[in-house]
């Protein structure tokens, strides 16, 4: 989902730098919380789209699929869409354009954020 739908209410908040980190570092916590009926929200800083070598659309779908298996609905997964590999450069100034795969699947130079590129529900 777009971050705009996040109300700020969660029992468990998982914040991860890129797709797969949320499951690698917190699958047990997520599983336990879901089984206890707690509300889990997962926020990913990037799409895992480091240069054009990795497709953020594929990484997002893998994350949505893995979290669904843990019982986290797509509506509770939020991608901020910052370029992978550049989080340490974030300041009040925009990032310079970097090479990454666009939502259309093309290798481009961009400094835009692309929150949700794919959906399991489509």
PDB file of N, CA and C in Angstrom:
ATOM      1  N   UNK A   1       0.843  -1.182   0.000  1.00  0.00           N
ATOM      2  CA  UNK A   1       0.000   0.000   0.000  1.00  0.00           C
ATOM      3  C   UNK A   1       0.880   1.235   0.000  1.00  0.00           C
ATOM      4  N   UNK A   2       0.314   2.357  -0.300  1.00  0.00           N
ATOM      5  CA  UNK A   2       1.044   3.610  -0.165  1.00  0.00           C
ATOM      6  C   UNK A   2       1.089   3.939   1.314  1.00  0.00           C
ATOM      7  N   UNK A   3       2.131   4.590   1.743  1.00  0.00           N
ATOM      8  CA  UNK A   3       2.272   4.889   3.168  1.00  0.00           C
ATOM      9  C   UNK A   3       1.132   5.767   3.654  1.00  0.00           C
ATOM     10  N   UNK A   4       0.503   6.503   2.779  1.00  0.00           N
ATOM     11  CA  UNK A   4      -0.581   7.381   3.163  1.00  0.00           C
ATOM     12  C   UNK A   4      -1.738   6.661   3.834  1.00  0.00           C
ATOM     13  N   UNK A   5      -1.872   5.352   3.645  1.00  0.00           N
ATOM     14  CA  UNK A   5      -2.970   4.614   4.256  1.00  0.00           C
ATOM     15  C   UNK A   5      -2.627   4.115   5.653  1.00  0.00           C
ATOM     16  N   UNK A   6      -1.390   4.290   6.084  1.00  0.00           N
ATOM     17  CA  UNK A   6      -0.968   3.829   7.404  1.00  0.00           C
ATOM     18  C   UNK A   6      -1.469   4.805   8.461  1.00  0.00           C
ATOM     19  N   UNK A   7      -2.245   4.310   9.413  1.00  0.00           N
ATOM     20  CA  UNK A   7      -2.847   5.176  10.416  1.00  0.00           C
ATOM     21  C   UNK A   7      -1.938   5.428  11.601  1.00  0.00           C
ATOM     22  N   UNK A   8      -0.842   4.688  11.689  1.00  0.00           N
ATOM     23  CA  UNK A   8       0.055   4.860  12.824  1.00  0.00           C
ATOM     24  C   UNK A   8      -0.296   3.946  13.982  1.00  0.00           C
ATOM     25  N   UNK A   9      -1.328   3.135  13.831  1.00  0.00           N
ATOM     26  CA  UNK A   9      -1.750   2.235  14.878  1.00  0.00           C
ATOM     27  C   UNK A   9      -1.282   0.817  14.553  1.00  0.00           C
ATOM     28  N   UNK A  10      -0.398   0.281  15.395  1.00  0.00           N
ATOM     29  CA  UNK A  10       0.088  -1.082  15.195  1.00  0.00           C
ATOM     30  C   UNK A  10       0.565  -1.633  16.524  1.00  0.00           C
ATOM     31  N   UNK A  11       0.392  -2.920  16.698  1.00  0.00           N
ATOM     32  CA  UNK A  11       0.956  -3.580  17.872  1.00  0.00           C
ATOM     33  C   UNK A  11       2.428  -3.880  17.646  1.00  0.00           C
ATOM     34  N   UNK A  12       2.752  -4.248  16.407  1.00  0.00           N
ATOM     35  CA  UNK A  12       4.137  -4.553  16.033  1.00  0.00           C
ATOM     36  C   UNK A  12       4.454  -3.789  14.757  1.00  0.00           C
ATOM     37  N   UNK A  13       5.526  -3.015  14.784  1.00  0.00           N
ATOM     38  CA  UNK A  13       5.990  -2.277  13.612  1.00  0.00           C
ATOM     39  C   UNK A  13       7.366  -2.804  13.241  1.00  0.00           C
ATOM     40  N   UNK A  14       7.481  -3.318  12.017  1.00  0.00           N
ATOM     41  CA  UNK A  14       8.755  -3.804  11.514  1.00  0.00           C
ATOM     42  C   UNK A  14       9.236  -2.808  10.473  1.00  0.00           C
ATOM     43  N   UNK A  15      10.421  -2.241  10.690  1.00  0.00           N
ATOM     44  CA  UNK A  15      11.025  -1.290   9.767  1.00  0.00           C
ATOM     45  C   UNK A  15      12.283  -1.934   9.201  1.00  0.00           C
ATOM     46  N   UNK A  16      12.341  -2.072   7.875  1.00  0.00           N
ATOM     47  CA  UNK A  16      13.463  -2.757   7.240  1.00  0.00           C
ATOM     48  C   UNK A  16      14.026  -1.905   6.108  1.00  0.00           C
ATOM     49  N   UNK A  17      15.335  -2.001   5.858  1.00  0.00           N
ATOM     50  CA  UNK A  17      15.936  -1.205   4.789  1.00  0.00           C
ATOM     51  C   UNK A  17      15.521  -1.642   3.394  1.00  0.00           C
ATOM     52  N   UNK A  18      15.443  -2.957   3.133  1.00  0.00           N
ATOM     53  CA  UNK A  18      14.997  -3.415   1.818  1.00  0.00           C
ATOM     54  C   UNK A  18      14.309  -4.765   1.902  1.00  0.00           C
ATOM     55  N   UNK A  19      13.582  -5.109   0.824  1.00  0.00           N
ATOM     56  CA  UNK A  19      12.830  -6.352   0.811  1.00  0.00           C
ATOM     57  C   UNK A  19      13.686  -7.564   1.147  1.00  0.00           C
ATOM     58  N   UNK A  20      13.169  -8.414   1.918  1.00  0.00           N
ATOM     59  CA  UNK A  20      13.636  -9.676   2.490  1.00  0.00           C
ATOM     60  C   UNK A  20      14.200  -9.478   3.884  1.00  0.00           C
ATOM     61  N   UNK A  21      14.648  -8.273   4.212  1.00  0.00           N
ATOM     62  CA  UNK A  21      15.175  -8.024   5.555  1.00  0.00           C
ATOM     63  C   UNK A  21      14.098  -8.181   6.620  1.00  0.00           C
ATOM     64  N   UNK A  22      12.866  -7.803   6.294  1.00  0.00           N
ATOM     65  CA  UNK A  22      11.781  -7.901   7.267  1.00  0.00           C
ATOM     66  C   UNK A  22      11.548  -9.344   7.672  1.00  0.00           C
ATOM     67  N   UNK A  23      11.637 -10.267   6.720  1.00  0.00           N
ATOM     68  CA  UNK A  23      11.426 -11.681   7.021  1.00  0.00           C
ATOM     69  C   UNK A  23      12.679 -12.293   7.647  1.00  0.00           C
ATOM     70  N   UNK A  24      13.840 -11.938   7.119  1.00  0.00           N
ATOM     71  CA  UNK A  24      15.087 -12.486   7.674  1.00  0.00           C
ATOM     72  C   UNK A  24      15.279 -12.098   9.140  1.00  0.00           C
ATOM     73  N   UNK A  25      14.920 -10.875   9.505  1.00  0.00           N
ATOM     74  CA  UNK A  25      15.182 -10.423  10.872  1.00  0.00           C
ATOM     75  C   UNK A  25      13.985 -10.561  11.806  1.00  0.00           C
ATOM     76  N   UNK A  26      12.765 -10.675  11.260  1.00  0.00           N
ATOM     77  CA  UNK A  26      11.607 -10.614  12.158  1.00  0.00           C
ATOM     78  C   UNK A  26      10.507 -11.627  11.864  1.00  0.00           C
ATOM     79  N   UNK A  27      10.774 -12.657  11.081  1.00  0.00           N
ATOM     80  CA  UNK A  27       9.716 -13.628  10.758  1.00  0.00           C
ATOM     81  C   UNK A  27       9.112 -14.241  12.010  1.00  0.00           C
ATOM     82  N   UNK A  28       9.930 -14.588  12.978  1.00  0.00           N
ATOM     83  CA  UNK A  28       9.421 -15.179  14.215  1.00  0.00           C
ATOM     84  C   UNK A  28       8.534 -14.233  14.989  1.00  0.00           C
ATOM     85  N   UNK A  29       8.942 -12.980  15.082  1.00  0.00           N
ATOM     86  CA  UNK A  29       8.151 -11.956  15.776  1.00  0.00           C
ATOM     87  C   UNK A  29       6.830 -11.727  15.041  1.00  0.00           C
ATOM     88  N   UNK A  30       6.908 -11.631  13.712  1.00  0.00           N
ATOM     89  CA  UNK A  30       5.701 -11.419  12.908  1.00  0.00           C
ATOM     90  C   UNK A  30       4.748 -12.594  13.066  1.00  0.00           C
ATOM     91  N   UNK A  31       5.255 -13.802  12.939  1.00  0.00           N
ATOM     92  CA  UNK A  31       4.428 -15.003  13.062  1.00  0.00           C
ATOM     93  C   UNK A  31       3.730 -15.055  14.417  1.00  0.00           C
ATOM     94  N   UNK A  32       4.486 -14.830  15.476  1.00  0.00           N
ATOM     95  CA  UNK A  32       3.912 -14.872  16.827  1.00  0.00           C
ATOM     96  C   UNK A  32       2.842 -13.798  17.005  1.00  0.00           C
ATOM     97  N   UNK A  33       3.124 -12.581  16.532  1.00  0.00           N
ATOM     98  CA  UNK A  33       2.174 -11.477  16.679  1.00  0.00           C
ATOM     99  C   UNK A  33       0.883 -11.760  15.915  1.00  0.00           C
ATOM    100  N   UNK A  34       0.992 -12.243  14.695  1.00  0.00           N
ATOM    101  CA  UNK A  34      -0.195 -12.557  13.893  1.00  0.00           C
ATOM    102  C   UNK A  34      -1.023 -13.639  14.585  1.00  0.00           C
ATOM    103  N   UNK A  35      -0.356 -14.682  15.077  1.00  0.00           N
ATOM    104  CA  UNK A  35      -1.074 -15.764  15.753  1.00  0.00           C
ATOM    105  C   UNK A  35      -1.752 -15.293  17.036  1.00  0.00           C
ATOM    106  N   UNK A  36      -1.245 -14.217  17.641  1.00  0.00           N
ATOM    107  CA  UNK A  36      -1.849 -13.655  18.851  1.00  0.00           C
ATOM    108  C   UNK A  36      -2.902 -12.601  18.523  1.00  0.00           C
ATOM    109  N   UNK A  37      -3.155 -12.403  17.223  1.00  0.00           N
ATOM    110  CA  UNK A  37      -4.172 -11.447  16.807  1.00  0.00           C
ATOM    111  C   UNK A  37      -3.726 -10.000  16.855  1.00  0.00           C
ATOM    112  N   UNK A  38      -2.446  -9.767  16.921  1.00  0.00           N
ATOM    113  CA  UNK A  38      -1.934  -8.399  16.957  1.00  0.00           C
ATOM    114  C   UNK A  38      -1.858  -7.823  15.550  1.00  0.00           C
ATOM    115  N   UNK A  39      -1.966  -6.506  15.483  1.00  0.00           N
ATOM    116  CA  UNK A  39      -1.852  -5.813  14.194  1.00  0.00           C
ATOM    117  C   UNK A  39      -0.379  -5.578  13.888  1.00  0.00           C
ATOM    118  N   UNK A  40       0.065  -6.105  12.757  1.00  0.00           N
ATOM    119  CA  UNK A  40       1.453  -5.975  12.325  1.00  0.00           C
ATOM    120  C   UNK A  40       1.502  -5.057  11.116  1.00  0.00           C
ATOM    121  N   UNK A  41       2.364  -4.064  11.158  1.00  0.00           N
ATOM    122  CA  UNK A  41       2.626  -3.183  10.025  1.00  0.00           C
ATOM    123  C   UNK A  41       4.090  -3.346   9.659  1.00  0.00           C
ATOM    124  N   UNK A  42       4.385  -3.440   8.361  1.00  0.00           N
ATOM    125  CA  UNK A  42       5.749  -3.595   7.882  1.00  0.00           C
ATOM    126  C   UNK A  42       6.051  -2.425   6.956  1.00  0.00           C
ATOM    127  N   UNK A  43       7.142  -1.718   7.239  1.00  0.00           N
ATOM    128  CA  UNK A  43       7.562  -0.583   6.424  1.00  0.00           C
ATOM    129  C   UNK A  43       8.942  -0.894   5.857  1.00  0.00           C
ATOM    130  N   UNK A  44       9.060  -0.804   4.532  1.00  0.00           N
ATOM    131  CA  UNK A  44      10.334  -1.043   3.855  1.00  0.00           C
ATOM    132  C   UNK A  44      10.823   0.274   3.265  1.00  0.00           C
ATOM    133  N   UNK A  45      12.042   0.632   3.582  1.00  0.00           N
ATOM    134  CA  UNK A  45      12.598   1.904   3.128  1.00  0.00           C
ATOM    135  C   UNK A  45      12.827   1.944   1.619  1.00  0.00           C
ATOM    136  N   UNK A  46      13.262   0.818   1.037  1.00  0.00           N
ATOM    137  CA  UNK A  46      13.550   0.771  -0.397  1.00  0.00           C
ATOM    138  C   UNK A  46      12.762  -0.360  -1.046  1.00  0.00           C
ATOM    139  N   UNK A  47      12.879  -0.454  -2.367  1.00  0.00           N
ATOM    140  CA  UNK A  47      12.264  -1.542  -3.117  1.00  0.00           C
ATOM    141  C   UNK A  47      13.269  -2.633  -3.438  1.00  0.00           C
ATOM    142  N   UNK A  48      14.517  -2.452  -2.984  1.00  0.00           N
ATOM    143  CA  UNK A  48      15.548  -3.430  -3.298  1.00  0.00           C
ATOM    144  C   UNK A  48      16.022  -3.333  -4.734  1.00  0.00           C
ATOM    145  N   UNK A  49      15.917  -2.143  -5.306  1.00  0.00           N
ATOM    146  CA  UNK A  49      16.225  -1.933  -6.725  1.00  0.00           C
ATOM    147  C   UNK A  49      17.624  -1.355  -6.939  1.00  0.00           C
ATOM    148  N   UNK A  50      18.631  -1.975  -6.341  1.00  0.00           N
ATOM    149  CA  UNK A  50      20.001  -1.476  -6.452  1.00  0.00           C
ATOM    150  C   UNK A  50      20.460  -1.486  -7.907  1.00  0.00           C
ATOM    151  N   UNK A  51      20.746  -0.324  -8.431  1.00  0.00           N
ATOM    152  CA  UNK A  51      21.060  -0.092  -9.845  1.00  0.00           C
ATOM    153  C   UNK A  51      20.034  -0.821 -10.700  1.00  0.00           C
ATOM    154  N   UNK A  52      20.395  -1.194 -11.878  1.00  0.00           N
ATOM    155  CA  UNK A  52      19.449  -1.925 -12.741  1.00  0.00           C
ATOM    156  C   UNK A  52      19.720  -3.421 -12.691  1.00  0.00           C
ATOM    157  N   UNK A  53      20.560  -3.832 -11.737  1.00  0.00           N
ATOM    158  CA  UNK A  53      20.863  -5.255 -11.582  1.00  0.00           C
ATOM    159  C   UNK A  53      19.761  -5.982 -10.829  1.00  0.00           C
ATOM    160  N   UNK A  54      18.986  -5.249 -10.030  1.00  0.00           N
ATOM    161  CA  UNK A  54      17.900  -5.857  -9.257  1.00  0.00           C
ATOM    162  C   UNK A  54      16.607  -5.122  -9.571  1.00  0.00           C
ATOM    163  N   UNK A  55      15.572  -5.855  -9.809  1.00  0.00           N
ATOM    164  CA  UNK A  55      14.270  -5.291 -10.162  1.00  0.00           C
ATOM    165  C   UNK A  55      13.425  -5.154  -8.901  1.00  0.00           C
ATOM    166  N   UNK A  56      13.146  -3.915  -8.511  1.00  0.00           N
ATOM    167  CA  UNK A  56      12.345  -3.665  -7.319  1.00  0.00           C
ATOM    168  C   UNK A  56      10.964  -4.268  -7.385  1.00  0.00           C
ATOM    169  N   UNK A  57      10.425  -4.408  -8.587  1.00  0.00           N
ATOM    170  CA  UNK A  57       9.095  -5.013  -8.733  1.00  0.00           C
ATOM    171  C   UNK A  57       9.124  -6.474  -8.308  1.00  0.00           C
ATOM    172  N   UNK A  58      10.178  -7.184  -8.692  1.00  0.00           N
ATOM    173  CA  UNK A  58      10.325  -8.593  -8.301  1.00  0.00           C
ATOM    174  C   UNK A  58      10.528  -8.687  -6.798  1.00  0.00           C
ATOM    175  N   UNK A  59      11.387  -7.834  -6.248  1.00  0.00           N
ATOM    176  CA  UNK A  59      11.660  -7.875  -4.809  1.00  0.00           C
ATOM    177  C   UNK A  59      10.410  -7.552  -3.995  1.00  0.00           C
ATOM    178  N   UNK A  60       9.609  -6.592  -4.468  1.00  0.00           N
ATOM    179  CA  UNK A  60       8.366  -6.270  -3.761  1.00  0.00           C
ATOM    180  C   UNK A  60       7.418  -7.472  -3.764  1.00  0.00           C
ATOM    181  N   UNK A  61       7.255  -8.095  -4.901  1.00  0.00           N
ATOM    182  CA  UNK A  61       6.343  -9.245  -4.991  1.00  0.00           C
ATOM    183  C   UNK A  61       6.811 -10.377  -4.082  1.00  0.00           C
ATOM    184  N   UNK A  62       8.117 -10.612  -4.026  1.00  0.00           N
ATOM    185  CA  UNK A  62       8.650 -11.638  -3.122  1.00  0.00           C
ATOM    186  C   UNK A  62       8.323 -11.304  -1.673  1.00  0.00           C
ATOM    187  N   UNK A  63       8.457 -10.032  -1.303  1.00  0.00           N
ATOM    188  CA  UNK A  63       8.147  -9.613   0.064  1.00  0.00           C
ATOM    189  C   UNK A  63       6.665  -9.778   0.367  1.00  0.00           C
ATOM    190  N   UNK A  64       5.815  -9.337  -0.555  1.00  0.00           N
ATOM    191  CA  UNK A  64       4.378  -9.467  -0.336  1.00  0.00           C
ATOM    192  C   UNK A  64       3.964 -10.926  -0.210  1.00  0.00           C
ATOM    193  N   UNK A  65       4.580 -11.782  -1.011  1.00  0.00           N
ATOM    194  CA  UNK A  65       4.274 -13.218  -0.972  1.00  0.00           C
ATOM    195  C   UNK A  65       4.717 -13.829   0.354  1.00  0.00           C
ATOM    196  N   UNK A  66       5.938 -13.513   0.782  1.00  0.00           N
ATOM    197  CA  UNK A  66       6.450 -14.064   2.043  1.00  0.00           C
ATOM    198  C   UNK A  66       5.624 -13.580   3.229  1.00  0.00           C
ATOM    199  N   UNK A  67       5.292 -12.298   3.248  1.00  0.00           N
ATOM    200  CA  UNK A  67       4.507 -11.767   4.366  1.00  0.00           C
ATOM    201  C   UNK A  67       3.090 -12.333   4.368  1.00  0.00           C
ATOM    202  N   UNK A  68       2.522 -12.579   3.197  1.00  0.00           N
ATOM    203  CA  UNK A  68       1.194 -13.193   3.133  1.00  0.00           C
ATOM    204  C   UNK A  68       1.224 -14.580   3.760  1.00  0.00           C
ATOM    205  N   UNK A  69       2.324 -15.313   3.533  1.00  0.00           N
ATOM    206  CA  UNK A  69       2.456 -16.644   4.142  1.00  0.00           C
ATOM    207  C   UNK A  69       2.545 -16.554   5.658  1.00  0.00           C
ATOM    208  N   UNK A  70       3.020 -15.419   6.157  1.00  0.00           N
ATOM    209  CA  UNK A  70       3.080 -15.199   7.608  1.00  0.00           C
ATOM    210  C   UNK A  70       1.769 -14.608   8.135  1.00  0.00           C
ATOM    211  N   UNK A  71       0.836 -14.302   7.237  1.00  0.00           N
ATOM    212  CA  UNK A  71      -0.464 -13.786   7.660  1.00  0.00           C
ATOM    213  C   UNK A  71      -0.579 -12.279   7.660  1.00  0.00           C
ATOM    214  N   UNK A  72       0.363 -11.596   7.013  1.00  0.00           N
ATOM    215  CA  UNK A  72       0.304 -10.128   6.933  1.00  0.00           C
ATOM    216  C   UNK A  72      -0.288  -9.748   5.583  1.00  0.00           C
ATOM    217  N   UNK A  73      -1.437  -9.088   5.610  1.00  0.00           N
ATOM    218  CA  UNK A  73      -2.116  -8.658   4.402  1.00  0.00           C
ATOM    219  C   UNK A  73      -1.336  -7.522   3.737  1.00  0.00           C
ATOM    220  N   UNK A  74      -1.419  -7.483   2.416  1.00  0.00           N
ATOM    221  CA  UNK A  74      -0.726  -6.446   1.634  1.00  0.00           C
ATOM    222  C   UNK A  74      -1.057  -5.029   2.118  1.00  0.00           C
ATOM    223  N   UNK A  75      -2.257  -4.815   2.624  1.00  0.00           N
ATOM    224  CA  UNK A  75      -2.649  -3.484   3.101  1.00  0.00           C
ATOM    225  C   UNK A  75      -1.792  -3.020   4.274  1.00  0.00           C
ATOM    226  N   UNK A  76      -1.074  -3.941   4.910  1.00  0.00           N
ATOM    227  CA  UNK A  76      -0.250  -3.607   6.068  1.00  0.00           C
ATOM    228  C   UNK A  76       1.243  -3.623   5.737  1.00  0.00           C
ATOM    229  N   UNK A  77       1.547  -3.585   4.437  1.00  0.00           N
ATOM    230  CA  UNK A  77       2.936  -3.554   3.973  1.00  0.00           C
ATOM    231  C   UNK A  77       3.126  -2.249   3.210  1.00  0.00           C
ATOM    232  N   UNK A  78       4.125  -1.472   3.613  1.00  0.00           N
ATOM    233  CA  UNK A  78       4.317  -0.131   3.068  1.00  0.00           C
ATOM    234  C   UNK A  78       5.740   0.027   2.537  1.00  0.00           C
ATOM    235  N   UNK A  79       5.856   0.327   1.254  1.00  0.00           N
ATOM    236  CA  UNK A  79       7.151   0.569   0.622  1.00  0.00           C
ATOM    237  C   UNK A  79       7.336   2.080   0.484  1.00  0.00           C
ATOM    238  N   UNK A  80       8.407   2.618   1.059  1.00  0.00           N
ATOM    239  CA  UNK A  80       8.661   4.051   0.923  1.00  0.00           C
ATOM    240  C   UNK A  80       9.270   4.379  -0.437  1.00  0.00           C
ATOM    241  N   UNK A  81       9.951   3.417  -1.060  1.00  0.00           N
ATOM    242  CA  UNK A  81      10.409   3.584  -2.430  1.00  0.00           C
ATOM    243  C   UNK A  81      11.681   4.361  -2.640  1.00  0.00           C
ATOM    244  N   UNK A  82      12.487   4.537  -1.590  1.00  0.00           N
ATOM    245  CA  UNK A  82      13.773   5.205  -1.795  1.00  0.00           C
ATOM    246  C   UNK A  82      14.709   4.287  -2.568  1.00  0.00           C
ATOM    247  N   UNK A  83      15.654   4.861  -3.346  1.00  0.00           N
ATOM    248  CA  UNK A  83      16.578   4.022  -4.114  1.00  0.00           C
ATOM    249  C   UNK A  83      17.481   3.191  -3.198  1.00  0.00           C
ATOM    250  N   UNK A  84      17.540   1.890  -3.461  1.00  0.00           N
ATOM    251  CA  UNK A  84      18.389   0.982  -2.688  1.00  0.00           C
ATOM    252  C   UNK A  84      19.857   1.387  -2.844  1.00  0.00           C
ATOM    253  N   UNK A  85      20.590   1.309  -1.757  1.00  0.00           N
ATOM    254  CA  UNK A  85      22.010   1.648  -1.777  1.00  0.00           C
ATOM    255  C   UNK A  85      22.293   3.109  -1.531  1.00  0.00           C
ATOM    256  N   UNK A  86      21.249   3.909  -1.295  1.00  0.00           N
ATOM    257  CA  UNK A  86      21.449   5.348  -1.138  1.00  0.00           C
ATOM    258  C   UNK A  86      20.816   5.913   0.130  1.00  0.00           C
ATOM    259  N   UNK A  87      20.379   5.056   1.038  1.00  0.00           N
ATOM    260  CA  UNK A  87      19.746   5.552   2.261  1.00  0.00           C
ATOM    261  C   UNK A  87      20.691   6.442   3.065  1.00  0.00           C
ATOM    262  N   UNK A  88      21.975   6.096   3.068  1.00  0.00           N
ATOM    263  CA  UNK A  88      22.947   6.871   3.830  1.00  0.00           C
ATOM    264  C   UNK A  88      23.156   8.272   3.266  1.00  0.00           C
ATOM    265  N   UNK A  89      22.669   8.529   2.062  1.00  0.00           N
ATOM    266  CA  UNK A  89      22.816   9.835   1.429  1.00  0.00           C
ATOM    267  C   UNK A  89      21.593  10.730   1.647  1.00  0.00           C
ATOM    268  N   UNK A  90      20.554  10.217   2.271  1.00  0.00           N
ATOM    269  CA  UNK A  90      19.338  11.008   2.443  1.00  0.00           C
ATOM    270  C   UNK A  90      19.593  12.179   3.381  1.00  0.00           C
ATOM    271  N   UNK A  91      19.235  13.350   2.903  1.00  0.00           N
ATOM    272  CA  UNK A  91      19.329  14.583   3.690  1.00  0.00           C
ATOM    273  C   UNK A  91      18.107  15.432   3.332  1.00  0.00           C
ATOM    274  N   UNK A  92      18.138  16.681   3.719  1.00  0.00           N
ATOM    275  CA  UNK A  92      17.049  17.589   3.354  1.00  0.00           C
ATOM    276  C   UNK A  92      17.059  17.884   1.851  1.00  0.00           C
ATOM    277  N   UNK A  93      18.197  17.667   1.204  1.00  0.00           N
ATOM    278  CA  UNK A  93      18.315  17.875  -0.239  1.00  0.00           C
ATOM    279  C   UNK A  93      17.939  16.596  -0.977  1.00  0.00           C
ATOM    280  N   UNK A  94      17.287  16.717  -2.133  1.00  0.00           N
ATOM    281  CA  UNK A  94      16.961  15.510  -2.905  1.00  0.00           C
ATOM    282  C   UNK A  94      18.228  14.776  -3.346  1.00  0.00           C
ATOM    283  N   UNK A  95      18.115  13.477  -3.476  1.00  0.00           N
ATOM    284  CA  UNK A  95      19.216  12.681  -4.006  1.00  0.00           C
ATOM    285  C   UNK A  95      19.445  13.052  -5.474  1.00  0.00           C
ATOM    286  N   UNK A  96      20.683  12.927  -5.942  1.00  0.00           N
ATOM    287  CA  UNK A  96      20.875  13.056  -7.388  1.00  0.00           C
ATOM    288  C   UNK A  96      20.255  11.827  -8.063  1.00  0.00           C
ATOM    289  N   UNK A  97      19.890  11.940  -9.332  1.00  0.00           N
ATOM    290  CA  UNK A  97      19.328  10.765 -10.017  1.00  0.00           C
ATOM    291  C   UNK A  97      20.315   9.598 -10.007  1.00  0.00           C
ATOM    292  N   UNK A  98      19.789   8.398  -9.764  1.00  0.00           N
ATOM    293  CA  UNK A  98      20.598   7.181  -9.752  1.00  0.00           C
ATOM    294  C   UNK A  98      19.958   6.163 -10.683  1.00  0.00           C
ATOM    295  N   UNK A  99      20.754   5.204 -11.139  1.00  0.00           N
ATOM    296  CA  UNK A  99      20.267   4.178 -12.048  1.00  0.00           C
ATOM    297  C   UNK A  99      19.411   3.170 -11.291  1.00  0.00           C
ATOM    298  N   UNK A 100      18.212   2.916 -11.817  1.00  0.00           N
ATOM    299  CA  UNK A 100      17.310   1.926 -11.238  1.00  0.00           C
ATOM    300  C   UNK A 100      16.229   1.559 -12.237  1.00  0.00           C
ATOM    301  N   UNK A 101      15.512   0.492 -11.965  1.00  0.00           N
ATOM    302  CA  UNK A 101      14.445   0.058 -12.868  1.00  0.00           C
ATOM    303  C   UNK A 101      13.158   0.781 -12.490  1.00  0.00           C
ATOM    304  N   UNK A 102      12.541   1.400 -13.476  1.00  0.00           N
ATOM    305  CA  UNK A 102      11.325   2.192 -13.272  1.00  0.00           C
ATOM    306  C   UNK A 102      10.114   1.288 -13.069  1.00  0.00           C
ATOM    307  N   UNK A 103       8.988   1.870 -12.643  1.00  0.00           N
ATOM    308  CA  UNK A 103       7.763   1.072 -12.533  1.00  0.00           C
ATOM    309  C   UNK A 103       7.354   0.422 -13.856  1.00  0.00           C
ATOM    310  N   UNK A 104       7.789   1.005 -14.982  1.00  0.00           N
ATOM    311  CA  UNK A 104       7.479   0.435 -16.294  1.00  0.00           C
ATOM    312  C   UNK A 104       8.467  -0.659 -16.699  1.00  0.00           C
ATOM    313  N   UNK A 105       9.497  -0.914 -15.871  1.00  0.00           N
ATOM    314  CA  UNK A 105      10.456  -1.969 -16.153  1.00  0.00           C
ATOM    315  C   UNK A 105      11.662  -1.530 -16.959  1.00  0.00           C
ATOM    316  N   UNK A 106      11.857  -0.231 -17.119  1.00  0.00           N
ATOM    317  CA  UNK A 106      12.977   0.286 -17.896  1.00  0.00           C
ATOM    318  C   UNK A 106      14.099   0.740 -16.979  1.00  0.00           C
ATOM    319  N   UNK A 107      15.346   0.587 -17.424  1.00  0.00           N
ATOM    320  CA  UNK A 107      16.496   1.080 -16.680  1.00  0.00           C
ATOM    321  C   UNK A 107      16.596   2.586 -16.929  1.00  0.00           C
ATOM    322  N   UNK A 108      16.433   3.371 -15.866  1.00  0.00           N
ATOM    323  CA  UNK A 108      16.436   4.835 -15.983  1.00  0.00           C
ATOM    324  C   UNK A 108      17.289   5.430 -14.872  1.00  0.00           C
ATOM    325  N   UNK A 109      17.563   6.712 -14.986  1.00  0.00           N
ATOM    326  CA  UNK A 109      18.195   7.463 -13.901  1.00  0.00           C
ATOM    327  C   UNK A 109      17.096   8.320 -13.272  1.00  0.00           C
ATOM    328  N   UNK A 110      16.892   8.168 -11.976  1.00  0.00           N
ATOM    329  CA  UNK A 110      15.799   8.870 -11.318  1.00  0.00           C
ATOM    330  C   UNK A 110      16.105   9.065  -9.839  1.00  0.00           C
ATOM    331  N   UNK A 111      15.521  10.093  -9.260  1.00  0.00           N
ATOM    332  CA  UNK A 111      15.597  10.272  -7.811  1.00  0.00           C
ATOM    333  C   UNK A 111      14.196  10.300  -7.197  1.00  0.00           C
ATOM    334  N   UNK A 112      13.218   9.807  -7.944  1.00  0.00           N
ATOM    335  CA  UNK A 112      11.854   9.725  -7.436  1.00  0.00           C
ATOM    336  C   UNK A 112      11.708   8.539  -6.485  1.00  0.00           C
ATOM    337  N   UNK A 113      10.696   8.589  -5.642  1.00  0.00           N
ATOM    338  CA  UNK A 113      10.352   7.411  -4.849  1.00  0.00           C
ATOM    339  C   UNK A 113       9.215   6.695  -5.567  1.00  0.00           C
ATOM    340  N   UNK A 114       9.266   5.362  -5.543  1.00  0.00           N
ATOM    341  CA  UNK A 114       8.244   4.535  -6.177  1.00  0.00           C
ATOM    342  C   UNK A 114       7.694   3.598  -5.125  1.00  0.00           C
ATOM    343  N   UNK A 115       6.648   4.032  -4.399  1.00  0.00           N
ATOM    344  CA  UNK A 115       6.158   3.242  -3.271  1.00  0.00           C
ATOM    345  C   UNK A 115       5.704   1.828  -3.580  1.00  0.00           C
ATOM    346  N   UNK A 116       4.698   1.629  -4.372  1.00  0.00           N
ATOM    347  CA  UNK A 116       4.233   0.259  -4.633  1.00  0.00           C
ATOM    348  C   UNK A 116       4.233   0.031  -6.127  1.00  0.00           C
ATOM    349  N   UNK A 117       5.094  -0.884  -6.545  1.00  0.00           N
ATOM    350  CA  UNK A 117       5.232  -1.170  -7.973  1.00  0.00           C
ATOM    351  C   UNK A 117       4.384  -2.351  -8.402  1.00  0.00           C
ATOM    352  N   UNK A 118       4.067  -3.237  -7.477  1.00  0.00           N
ATOM    353  CA  UNK A 118       3.327  -4.455  -7.793  1.00  0.00           C
ATOM    354  C   UNK A 118       2.260  -4.689  -6.734  1.00  0.00           C
ATOM    355  N   UNK A 119       1.420  -5.652  -6.995  1.00  0.00           N
ATOM    356  CA  UNK A 119       0.412  -6.043  -6.027  1.00  0.00           C
ATOM    357  C   UNK A 119       0.110  -7.518  -6.214  1.00  0.00           C
ATOM    358  N   UNK A 120      -0.001  -8.238  -5.122  1.00  0.00           N
ATOM    359  CA  UNK A 120      -0.383  -9.650  -5.199  1.00  0.00           C
ATOM    360  C   UNK A 120      -1.845  -9.752  -5.642  1.00  0.00           C
ATOM    361  N   UNK A 121      -2.620  -8.704  -5.418  1.00  0.00           N
ATOM    362  CA  UNK A 121      -4.055  -8.751  -5.689  1.00  0.00           C
ATOM    363  C   UNK A 121      -4.391  -8.493  -7.145  1.00  0.00           C
ATOM    364  N   UNK A 122      -3.445  -8.073  -7.958  1.00  0.00           N
ATOM    365  CA  UNK A 122      -3.728  -7.776  -9.373  1.00  0.00           C
ATOM    366  C   UNK A 122      -3.674  -9.001 -10.211  1.00  0.00           C
TER     367      UNK A 122
END
